[in-house]
């Protein structure tokens, strides 16, 4: 009976030690997936900002209207 108790004690100690380790590995995997999503979002945002900075405003009607408005205001108040 002592052999059985020792085996159970050894397995229990291993489970207690390994469970936080496995949980940490799982959390790190989730963190990597979140970083990948953030990277994809950043690349998409960078492409959009490049379009806006190059005045390719066809996909952004609000910004296009604001640019036209500012251009018209600048024509009216243009210093001579």
C-alpha atoms as a PDB file:
ATOM      1  CA  UNK A   1       0.000   0.000   0.000  1.00  0.00           C
ATOM      2  CA  UNK A   2       2.873   2.362   0.557  1.00  0.00           C
ATOM      3  CA  UNK A   3       3.870   2.039  -3.101  1.00  0.00           C
ATOM      4  CA  UNK A   4       0.421   3.087  -4.246  1.00  0.00           C
ATOM      5  CA  UNK A   5       0.385   6.119  -1.914  1.00  0.00           C
ATOM      6  CA  UNK A   6       3.827   7.170  -3.139  1.00  0.00           C
ATOM      7  CA  UNK A   7       2.724   6.901  -6.776  1.00  0.00           C
ATOM      8  CA  UNK A   8      -0.378   8.983  -6.117  1.00  0.00           C
ATOM      9  CA  UNK A   9       1.652  11.535  -4.176  1.00  0.00           C
ATOM     10  CA  UNK A  10       4.151  11.775  -7.034  1.00  0.00           C
ATOM     11  CA  UNK A  11       1.416  12.192  -9.640  1.00  0.00           C
ATOM     12  CA  UNK A  12      -0.346  14.809  -7.531  1.00  0.00           C
ATOM     13  CA  UNK A  13       2.866  16.805  -7.083  1.00  0.00           C
ATOM     14  CA  UNK A  14       3.521  16.630 -10.814  1.00  0.00           C
ATOM     15  CA  UNK A  15      -0.008  17.834 -11.573  1.00  0.00           C
ATOM     16  CA  UNK A  16       0.327  20.715  -9.107  1.00  0.00           C
ATOM     17  CA  UNK A  17       3.621  21.814 -10.658  1.00  0.00           C
ATOM     18  CA  UNK A  18       2.635  21.295 -14.303  1.00  0.00           C
ATOM     19  CA  UNK A  19      -0.795  22.933 -14.248  1.00  0.00           C
ATOM     20  CA  UNK A  20       0.497  26.537 -13.834  1.00  0.00           C
ATOM     21  CA  UNK A  21       3.132  25.877 -16.488  1.00  0.00           C
ATOM     22  CA  UNK A  22       0.568  24.612 -19.003  1.00  0.00           C
ATOM     23  CA  UNK A  23      -1.749  27.504 -18.178  1.00  0.00           C
ATOM     24  CA  UNK A  24       1.122  29.930 -18.845  1.00  0.00           C
ATOM     25  CA  UNK A  25       1.851  28.314 -22.198  1.00  0.00           C
ATOM     26  CA  UNK A  26      -1.827  28.588 -23.126  1.00  0.00           C
ATOM     27  CA  UNK A  27      -1.989  32.256 -22.086  1.00  0.00           C
ATOM     28  CA  UNK A  28       1.170  33.017 -24.067  1.00  0.00           C
ATOM     29  CA  UNK A  29      -0.409  31.426 -27.151  1.00  0.00           C
ATOM     30  CA  UNK A  30      -3.497  33.613 -26.730  1.00  0.00           C
ATOM     31  CA  UNK A  31      -1.218  36.657 -26.335  1.00  0.00           C
ATOM     32  CA  UNK A  32       0.564  35.816 -29.610  1.00  0.00           C
ATOM     33  CA  UNK A  33      -2.780  35.597 -31.405  1.00  0.00           C
ATOM     34  CA  UNK A  34      -3.758  39.004 -30.012  1.00  0.00           C
ATOM     35  CA  UNK A  35      -0.457  40.478 -31.179  1.00  0.00           C
ATOM     36  CA  UNK A  36      -1.089  39.087 -34.658  1.00  0.00           C
ATOM     37  CA  UNK A  37      -4.537  40.753 -34.707  1.00  0.00           C
ATOM     38  CA  UNK A  38      -3.012  44.042 -33.553  1.00  0.00           C
ATOM     39  CA  UNK A  39      -0.352  43.790 -36.274  1.00  0.00           C
ATOM     40  CA  UNK A  40      -2.982  43.205 -38.980  1.00  0.00           C
ATOM     41  CA  UNK A  41      -5.007  46.174 -37.733  1.00  0.00           C
ATOM     42  CA  UNK A  42      -1.886  48.367 -37.695  1.00  0.00           C
ATOM     43  CA  UNK A  43      -0.963  47.421 -41.265  1.00  0.00           C
ATOM     44  CA  UNK A  44      -4.512  48.197 -42.421  1.00  0.00           C
ATOM     45  CA  UNK A  45      -4.474  51.551 -40.629  1.00  0.00           C
ATOM     46  CA  UNK A  46      -1.075  52.382 -42.116  1.00  0.00           C
ATOM     47  CA  UNK A  47      -2.393  51.736 -45.637  1.00  0.00           C
ATOM     48  CA  UNK A  48      -5.382  53.983 -45.010  1.00  0.00           C
ATOM     49  CA  UNK A  49      -3.207  56.763 -43.602  1.00  0.00           C
ATOM     50  CA  UNK A  50      -0.924  56.541 -46.640  1.00  0.00           C
ATOM     51  CA  UNK A  51      -3.926  56.956 -48.943  1.00  0.00           C
ATOM     52  CA  UNK A  52      -5.119  59.975 -46.985  1.00  0.00           C
ATOM     53  CA  UNK A  53      -1.682  61.586 -46.923  1.00  0.00           C
ATOM     54  CA  UNK A  54      -1.410  61.174 -50.723  1.00  0.00           C
ATOM     55  CA  UNK A  55      -4.835  62.864 -51.169  1.00  0.00           C
ATOM     56  CA  UNK A  56      -6.481  59.705 -52.478  1.00  0.00           C
ATOM     57  CA  UNK A  57      -9.742  60.567 -50.775  1.00  0.00           C
ATOM     58  CA  UNK A  58     -12.164  58.681 -53.038  1.00  0.00           C
ATOM     59  CA  UNK A  59     -12.872  56.119 -50.321  1.00  0.00           C
ATOM     60  CA  UNK A  60     -13.309  58.796 -47.637  1.00  0.00           C
ATOM     61  CA  UNK A  61     -16.177  61.125 -48.657  1.00  0.00           C
ATOM     62  CA  UNK A  62     -16.154  63.106 -45.394  1.00  0.00           C
ATOM     63  CA  UNK A  63     -12.467  63.942 -45.713  1.00  0.00           C
ATOM     64  CA  UNK A  64     -12.962  64.772 -49.382  1.00  0.00           C
ATOM     65  CA  UNK A  65     -15.759  67.213 -48.521  1.00  0.00           C
ATOM     66  CA  UNK A  66     -13.672  68.805 -45.763  1.00  0.00           C
ATOM     67  CA  UNK A  67     -10.758  69.243 -48.165  1.00  0.00           C
ATOM     68  CA  UNK A  68     -13.015  70.899 -50.740  1.00  0.00           C
ATOM     69  CA  UNK A  69     -14.452  73.170 -48.071  1.00  0.00           C
ATOM     70  CA  UNK A  70     -10.999  74.205 -46.874  1.00  0.00           C
ATOM     71  CA  UNK A  71      -9.859  74.809 -50.446  1.00  0.00           C
ATOM     72  CA  UNK A  72     -12.864  77.069 -51.062  1.00  0.00           C
ATOM     73  CA  UNK A  73     -12.267  78.953 -47.811  1.00  0.00           C
ATOM     74  CA  UNK A  74      -8.625  79.439 -48.764  1.00  0.00           C
ATOM     75  CA  UNK A  75      -9.669  80.818 -52.151  1.00  0.00           C
ATOM     76  CA  UNK A  76     -11.994  83.345 -50.510  1.00  0.00           C
ATOM     77  CA  UNK A  77      -9.522  84.491 -47.874  1.00  0.00           C
ATOM     78  CA  UNK A  78      -6.396  84.231 -49.963  1.00  0.00           C
ATOM     79  CA  UNK A  79      -4.077  87.137 -49.165  1.00  0.00           C
ATOM     80  CA  UNK A  80      -3.151  89.249 -52.164  1.00  0.00           C
END
